[in-house]
Amino acid sequence: MIENRLTELESKLALTEDLVDALNQTVARQQMQIDSLQAQLRVVYQQVQTLTPDDVRTPREELPPHY
């Protein structure tokens, strides 16, 4: 009886460790994606800050010439 319970607990522990490892990998991958997106956002923000009013176009100015 106790041996069966111990075996069951060991199995659950192994599955839990696998799950925690998988979750850690997911969190690490997501953090890398967040870091990358933040870096991209900084670049876009810097580009927007350097725009002058002459650089800003209205949607009508963005239409292709055949319209």
PDB file of N, CA and C in Angstrom:
ATOM      1  N   MET A   1       0.824  -1.193   0.000  1.00  0.00           N
ATOM      2  CA  MET A   1       0.000   0.000   0.000  1.00  0.00           C
ATOM      3  C   MET A   1       0.868   1.255   0.000  1.00  0.00           C
ATOM      4  N   ILE A   2       1.786   1.360   0.947  1.00  0.00           N
ATOM      5  CA  ILE A   2       2.647   2.536   1.032  1.00  0.00           C
ATOM      6  C   ILE A   2       3.561   2.606  -0.193  1.00  0.00           C
ATOM      7  N   GLU A   3       4.025   1.463  -0.649  1.00  0.00           N
ATOM      8  CA  GLU A   3       4.898   1.446  -1.822  1.00  0.00           C
ATOM      9  C   GLU A   3       4.157   1.963  -3.055  1.00  0.00           C
ATOM     10  N   ASN A   4       2.894   1.594  -3.212  1.00  0.00           N
ATOM     11  CA  ASN A   4       2.092   2.092  -4.334  1.00  0.00           C
ATOM     12  C   ASN A   4       1.909   3.602  -4.256  1.00  0.00           C
ATOM     13  N   ARG A   5       1.642   4.098  -3.063  1.00  0.00           N
ATOM     14  CA  ARG A   5       1.469   5.541  -2.883  1.00  0.00           C
ATOM     15  C   ARG A   5       2.769   6.274  -3.170  1.00  0.00           C
ATOM     16  N   LEU A   6       3.872   5.705  -2.738  1.00  0.00           N
ATOM     17  CA  LEU A   6       5.174   6.320  -2.982  1.00  0.00           C
ATOM     18  C   LEU A   6       5.479   6.348  -4.480  1.00  0.00           C
ATOM     19  N   THR A   7       5.189   5.274  -5.164  1.00  0.00           N
ATOM     20  CA  THR A   7       5.398   5.208  -6.613  1.00  0.00           C
ATOM     21  C   THR A   7       4.530   6.241  -7.321  1.00  0.00           C
ATOM     22  N   GLU A   8       3.285   6.355  -6.883  1.00  0.00           N
ATOM     23  CA  GLU A   8       2.384   7.330  -7.475  1.00  0.00           C
ATOM     24  C   GLU A   8       2.882   8.754  -7.239  1.00  0.00           C
ATOM     25  N   LEU A   9       3.346   9.035  -6.040  1.00  0.00           N
ATOM     26  CA  LEU A   9       3.879  10.361  -5.740  1.00  0.00           C
ATOM     27  C   LEU A   9       5.138  10.665  -6.558  1.00  0.00           C
ATOM     28  N   GLU A  10       5.989   9.677  -6.737  1.00  0.00           N
ATOM     29  CA  GLU A  10       7.197   9.864  -7.538  1.00  0.00           C
ATOM     30  C   GLU A  10       6.832  10.168  -8.997  1.00  0.00           C
ATOM     31  N   SER A  11       5.812   9.476  -9.495  1.00  0.00           N
ATOM     32  CA  SER A  11       5.355   9.722 -10.861  1.00  0.00           C
ATOM     33  C   SER A  11       4.805  11.135 -10.999  1.00  0.00           C
ATOM     34  N   LYS A  12       3.994  11.545 -10.036  1.00  0.00           N
ATOM     35  CA  LYS A  12       3.438  12.894 -10.068  1.00  0.00           C
ATOM     36  C   LYS A  12       4.534  13.944  -9.962  1.00  0.00           C
ATOM     37  N   LEU A  13       5.533  13.685  -9.158  1.00  0.00           N
ATOM     38  CA  LEU A  13       6.651  14.617  -9.018  1.00  0.00           C
ATOM     39  C   LEU A  13       7.415  14.739 -10.329  1.00  0.00           C
ATOM     40  N   ALA A  14       7.654  13.625 -10.991  1.00  0.00           N
ATOM     41  CA  ALA A  14       8.372  13.654 -12.270  1.00  0.00           C
ATOM     42  C   ALA A  14       7.573  14.437 -13.312  1.00  0.00           C
ATOM     43  N   LEU A  15       6.272  14.207 -13.367  1.00  0.00           N
ATOM     44  CA  LEU A  15       5.424  14.946 -14.308  1.00  0.00           C
ATOM     45  C   LEU A  15       5.401  16.439 -13.969  1.00  0.00           C
ATOM     46  N   THR A  16       5.353  16.753 -12.689  1.00  0.00           N
ATOM     47  CA  THR A  16       5.353  18.149 -12.256  1.00  0.00           C
ATOM     48  C   THR A  16       6.669  18.825 -12.625  1.00  0.00           C
ATOM     49  N   GLU A  17       7.788  18.134 -12.442  1.00  0.00           N
ATOM     50  CA  GLU A  17       9.089  18.693 -12.817  1.00  0.00           C
ATOM     51  C   GLU A  17       9.163  18.945 -14.316  1.00  0.00           C
ATOM     52  N   ASP A  18       8.636  18.019 -15.106  1.00  0.00           N
ATOM     53  CA  ASP A  18       8.608  18.215 -16.563  1.00  0.00           C
ATOM     54  C   ASP A  18       7.752  19.433 -16.929  1.00  0.00           C
ATOM     55  N   LEU A  19       6.620  19.564 -16.277  1.00  0.00           N
ATOM     56  CA  LEU A  19       5.732  20.686 -16.541  1.00  0.00           C
ATOM     57  C   LEU A  19       6.404  22.011 -16.164  1.00  0.00           C
ATOM     58  N   VAL A  20       7.053  22.047 -15.022  1.00  0.00           N
ATOM     59  CA  VAL A  20       7.742  23.264 -14.584  1.00  0.00           C
ATOM     60  C   VAL A  20       8.866  23.619 -15.563  1.00  0.00           C
ATOM     61  N   ASP A  21       9.610  22.633 -16.022  1.00  0.00           N
ATOM     62  CA  ASP A  21      10.664  22.886 -17.005  1.00  0.00           C
ATOM     63  C   ASP A  21      10.084  23.456 -18.298  1.00  0.00           C
ATOM     64  N   ALA A  22       8.991  22.880 -18.762  1.00  0.00           N
ATOM     65  CA  ALA A  22       8.350  23.370 -19.987  1.00  0.00           C
ATOM     66  C   ALA A  22       7.837  24.795 -19.793  1.00  0.00           C
ATOM     67  N   LEU A  23       7.246  25.072 -18.648  1.00  0.00           N
ATOM     68  CA  LEU A  23       6.756  26.423 -18.373  1.00  0.00           C
ATOM     69  C   LEU A  23       7.909  27.416 -18.282  1.00  0.00           C
ATOM     70  N   ASN A  24       9.020  27.014 -17.681  1.00  0.00           N
ATOM     71  CA  ASN A  24      10.194  27.880 -17.593  1.00  0.00           C
ATOM     72  C   ASN A  24      10.723  28.212 -18.981  1.00  0.00           C
ATOM     73  N   GLN A  25      10.751  27.238 -19.860  1.00  0.00           N
ATOM     74  CA  GLN A  25      11.211  27.478 -21.228  1.00  0.00           C
ATOM     75  C   GLN A  25      10.272  28.445 -21.949  1.00  0.00           C
ATOM     76  N   THR A  26       8.975  28.272 -21.728  1.00  0.00           N
ATOM     77  CA  THR A  26       7.997  29.155 -22.350  1.00  0.00           C
ATOM     78  C   THR A  26       8.160  30.584 -21.847  1.00  0.00           C
ATOM     79  N   VAL A  27       8.310  30.733 -20.552  1.00  0.00           N
ATOM     80  CA  VAL A  27       8.481  32.067 -19.970  1.00  0.00           C
ATOM     81  C   VAL A  27       9.770  32.709 -20.482  1.00  0.00           C
ATOM     82  N   ALA A  28      10.845  31.944 -20.573  1.00  0.00           N
ATOM     83  CA  ALA A  28      12.115  32.480 -21.070  1.00  0.00           C
ATOM     84  C   ALA A  28      11.979  32.925 -22.525  1.00  0.00           C
ATOM     85  N   ARG A  29      11.309  32.121 -23.341  1.00  0.00           N
ATOM     86  CA  ARG A  29      11.095  32.473 -24.751  1.00  0.00           C
ATOM     87  C   ARG A  29      10.232  33.726 -24.868  1.00  0.00           C
ATOM     88  N   GLN A  30       9.189  33.815 -24.059  1.00  0.00           N
ATOM     89  CA  GLN A  30       8.321  34.989 -24.092  1.00  0.00           C
ATOM     90  C   GLN A  30       9.074  36.238 -23.636  1.00  0.00           C
ATOM     91  N   GLN A  31       9.962  36.096 -22.657  1.00  0.00           N
ATOM     92  CA  GLN A  31      10.739  37.241 -22.201  1.00  0.00           C
ATOM     93  C   GLN A  31      11.665  37.739 -23.302  1.00  0.00           C
ATOM     94  N   MET A  32      12.253  36.812 -24.064  1.00  0.00           N
ATOM     95  CA  MET A  32      13.100  37.216 -25.185  1.00  0.00           C
ATOM     96  C   MET A  32      12.276  37.957 -26.233  1.00  0.00           C
ATOM     97  N   GLN A  33      11.050  37.479 -26.487  1.00  0.00           N
ATOM     98  CA  GLN A  33      10.178  38.154 -27.441  1.00  0.00           C
ATOM     99  C   GLN A  33       9.797  39.543 -26.944  1.00  0.00           C
ATOM    100  N   ILE A  34       9.514  39.665 -25.660  1.00  0.00           N
ATOM    101  CA  ILE A  34       9.173  40.961 -25.083  1.00  0.00           C
ATOM    102  C   ILE A  34      10.357  41.911 -25.213  1.00  0.00           C
ATOM    103  N   ASP A  35      11.556  41.429 -24.905  1.00  0.00           N
ATOM    104  CA  ASP A  35      12.750  42.263 -25.020  1.00  0.00           C
ATOM    105  C   ASP A  35      12.951  42.738 -26.456  1.00  0.00           C
ATOM    106  N   SER A  36      12.741  41.840 -27.405  1.00  0.00           N
ATOM    107  CA  SER A  36      12.885  42.192 -28.812  1.00  0.00           C
ATOM    108  C   SER A  36      11.847  43.233 -29.220  1.00  0.00           C
ATOM    109  N   LEU A  37      10.612  43.040 -28.810  1.00  0.00           N
ATOM    110  CA  LEU A  37       9.550  43.988 -29.146  1.00  0.00           C
ATOM    111  C   LEU A  37       9.805  45.354 -28.508  1.00  0.00           C
ATOM    112  N   GLN A  38      10.325  45.370 -27.293  1.00  0.00           N
ATOM    113  CA  GLN A  38      10.637  46.641 -26.644  1.00  0.00           C
ATOM    114  C   GLN A  38      11.743  47.370 -27.400  1.00  0.00           C
ATOM    115  N   ALA A  39      12.742  46.642 -27.864  1.00  0.00           N
ATOM    116  CA  ALA A  39      13.822  47.257 -28.634  1.00  0.00           C
ATOM    117  C   ALA A  39      13.272  47.833 -29.942  1.00  0.00           C
ATOM    118  N   GLN A  40      12.398  47.088 -30.608  1.00  0.00           N
ATOM    119  CA  GLN A  40      11.786  47.577 -31.842  1.00  0.00           C
ATOM    120  C   GLN A  40      10.938  48.816 -31.575  1.00  0.00           C
ATOM    121  N   LEU A  41      10.209  48.811 -30.480  1.00  0.00           N
ATOM    122  CA  LEU A  41       9.370  49.945 -30.128  1.00  0.00           C
ATOM    123  C   LEU A  41      10.223  51.181 -29.851  1.00  0.00           C
ATOM    124  N   ARG A  42      11.373  50.992 -29.193  1.00  0.00           N
ATOM    125  CA  ARG A  42      12.274  52.119 -28.951  1.00  0.00           C
ATOM    126  C   ARG A  42      12.749  52.733 -30.266  1.00  0.00           C
ATOM    127  N   VAL A  43      13.083  51.879 -31.239  1.00  0.00           N
ATOM    128  CA  VAL A  43      13.530  52.371 -32.545  1.00  0.00           C
ATOM    129  C   VAL A  43      12.414  53.161 -33.220  1.00  0.00           C
ATOM    130  N   VAL A  44      11.207  52.631 -33.217  1.00  0.00           N
ATOM    131  CA  VAL A  44      10.076  53.328 -33.840  1.00  0.00           C
ATOM    132  C   VAL A  44       9.821  54.648 -33.115  1.00  0.00           C
ATOM    133  N   TYR A  45       9.872  54.631 -31.800  1.00  0.00           N
ATOM    134  CA  TYR A  45       9.647  55.847 -31.021  1.00  0.00           C
ATOM    135  C   TYR A  45      10.691  56.910 -31.377  1.00  0.00           C
ATOM    136  N   GLN A  46      11.950  56.495 -31.488  1.00  0.00           N
ATOM    137  CA  GLN A  46      13.004  57.440 -31.859  1.00  0.00           C
ATOM    138  C   GLN A  46      12.766  57.987 -33.262  1.00  0.00           C
ATOM    139  N   GLN A  47      12.316  57.160 -34.173  1.00  0.00           N
ATOM    140  CA  GLN A  47      12.027  57.617 -35.529  1.00  0.00           C
ATOM    141  C   GLN A  47      10.883  58.627 -35.524  1.00  0.00           C
ATOM    142  N   VAL A  48       9.861  58.374 -34.737  1.00  0.00           N
ATOM    143  CA  VAL A  48       8.727  59.295 -34.655  1.00  0.00           C
ATOM    144  C   VAL A  48       9.179  60.625 -34.061  1.00  0.00           C
ATOM    145  N   GLN A  49      10.059  60.574 -33.069  1.00  0.00           N
ATOM    146  CA  GLN A  49      10.528  61.794 -32.434  1.00  0.00           C
ATOM    147  C   GLN A  49      11.332  62.669 -33.391  1.00  0.00           C
ATOM    148  N   THR A  50      11.972  62.066 -34.384  1.00  0.00           N
ATOM    149  CA  THR A  50      12.793  62.837 -35.311  1.00  0.00           C
ATOM    150  C   THR A  50      11.992  63.371 -36.500  1.00  0.00           C
ATOM    151  N   LEU A  51      10.715  63.002 -36.603  1.00  0.00           N
ATOM    152  CA  LEU A  51       9.885  63.494 -37.707  1.00  0.00           C
ATOM    153  C   LEU A  51       9.645  64.991 -37.556  1.00  0.00           C
ATOM    154  N   THR A  52       9.659  65.671 -38.667  1.00  0.00           N
ATOM    155  CA  THR A  52       9.269  67.083 -38.685  1.00  0.00           C
ATOM    156  C   THR A  52       7.882  67.169 -39.302  1.00  0.00           C
ATOM    157  N   PRO A  53       7.191  68.271 -39.111  1.00  0.00           N
ATOM    158  CA  PRO A  53       5.838  68.370 -39.686  1.00  0.00           C
ATOM    159  C   PRO A  53       5.824  68.148 -41.201  1.00  0.00           C
ATOM    160  N   ASP A  54       6.900  68.470 -41.890  1.00  0.00           N
ATOM    161  CA  ASP A  54       6.942  68.241 -43.332  1.00  0.00           C
ATOM    162  C   ASP A  54       6.994  66.758 -43.678  1.00  0.00           C
ATOM    163  N   ASP A  55       7.482  65.934 -42.734  1.00  0.00           N
ATOM    164  CA  ASP A  55       7.587  64.492 -42.972  1.00  0.00           C
ATOM    165  C   ASP A  55       6.253  63.772 -42.791  1.00  0.00           C
ATOM    166  N   VAL A  56       5.329  64.402 -42.105  1.00  0.00           N
ATOM    167  CA  VAL A  56       4.042  63.770 -41.805  1.00  0.00           C
ATOM    168  C   VAL A  56       3.142  63.890 -43.018  1.00  0.00           C
ATOM    169  N   ARG A  57       2.553  62.785 -43.407  1.00  0.00           N
ATOM    170  CA  ARG A  57       1.659  62.754 -44.566  1.00  0.00           C
ATOM    171  C   ARG A  57       0.262  62.392 -44.124  1.00  0.00           C
ATOM    172  N   THR A  58      -0.692  62.921 -44.830  1.00  0.00           N
ATOM    173  CA  THR A  58      -2.084  62.578 -44.553  1.00  0.00           C
ATOM    174  C   THR A  58      -2.421  61.296 -45.312  1.00  0.00           C
ATOM    175  N   PRO A  59      -3.474  60.621 -44.926  1.00  0.00           N
ATOM    176  CA  PRO A  59      -3.856  59.399 -45.664  1.00  0.00           C
ATOM    177  C   PRO A  59      -4.095  59.662 -47.149  1.00  0.00           C
ATOM    178  N   ARG A  60      -4.621  60.852 -47.493  1.00  0.00           N
ATOM    179  CA  ARG A  60      -4.867  61.163 -48.905  1.00  0.00           C
ATOM    180  C   ARG A  60      -3.550  61.207 -49.677  1.00  0.00           C
ATOM    181  N   GLU A  61      -2.497  61.682 -49.046  1.00  0.00           N
ATOM    182  CA  GLU A  61      -1.196  61.751 -49.709  1.00  0.00           C
ATOM    183  C   GLU A  61      -0.588  60.359 -49.909  1.00  0.00           C
ATOM    184  N   GLU A  62      -1.068  59.400 -49.149  1.00  0.00           N
ATOM    185  CA  GLU A  62      -0.556  58.039 -49.235  1.00  0.00           C
ATOM    186  C   GLU A  62      -1.200  57.240 -50.367  1.00  0.00           C
ATOM    187  N   LEU A  63      -2.257  57.763 -50.992  1.00  0.00           N
ATOM    188  CA  LEU A  63      -2.931  57.031 -52.055  1.00  0.00           C
ATOM    189  C   LEU A  63      -2.027  56.906 -53.274  1.00  0.00           C
ATOM    190  N   PRO A  64      -2.070  55.785 -53.944  1.00  0.00           N
ATOM    191  CA  PRO A  64      -1.290  55.640 -55.180  1.00  0.00           C
ATOM    192  C   PRO A  64      -1.773  56.655 -56.217  1.00  0.00           C
ATOM    193  N   PRO A  65      -0.931  57.037 -57.177  1.00  0.00           N
ATOM    194  CA  PRO A  65      -1.288  58.084 -58.121  1.00  0.00           C
ATOM    195  C   PRO A  65      -2.485  57.749 -58.998  1.00  0.00           C
ATOM    196  N   HIS A  66      -2.829  56.495 -59.189  1.00  0.00           N
ATOM    197  CA  HIS A  66      -3.938  56.163 -60.089  1.00  0.00           C
ATOM    198  C   HIS A  66      -5.306  56.387 -59.469  1.00  0.00           C
ATOM    199  N   TYR A  67      -5.376  56.821 -58.225  1.00  0.00           N
ATOM    200  CA  TYR A  67      -6.690  57.089 -57.605  1.00  0.00           C
ATOM    201  C   TYR A  67      -7.125  58.493 -57.833  1.00  0.00           C
TER     202      TYR A  67
END
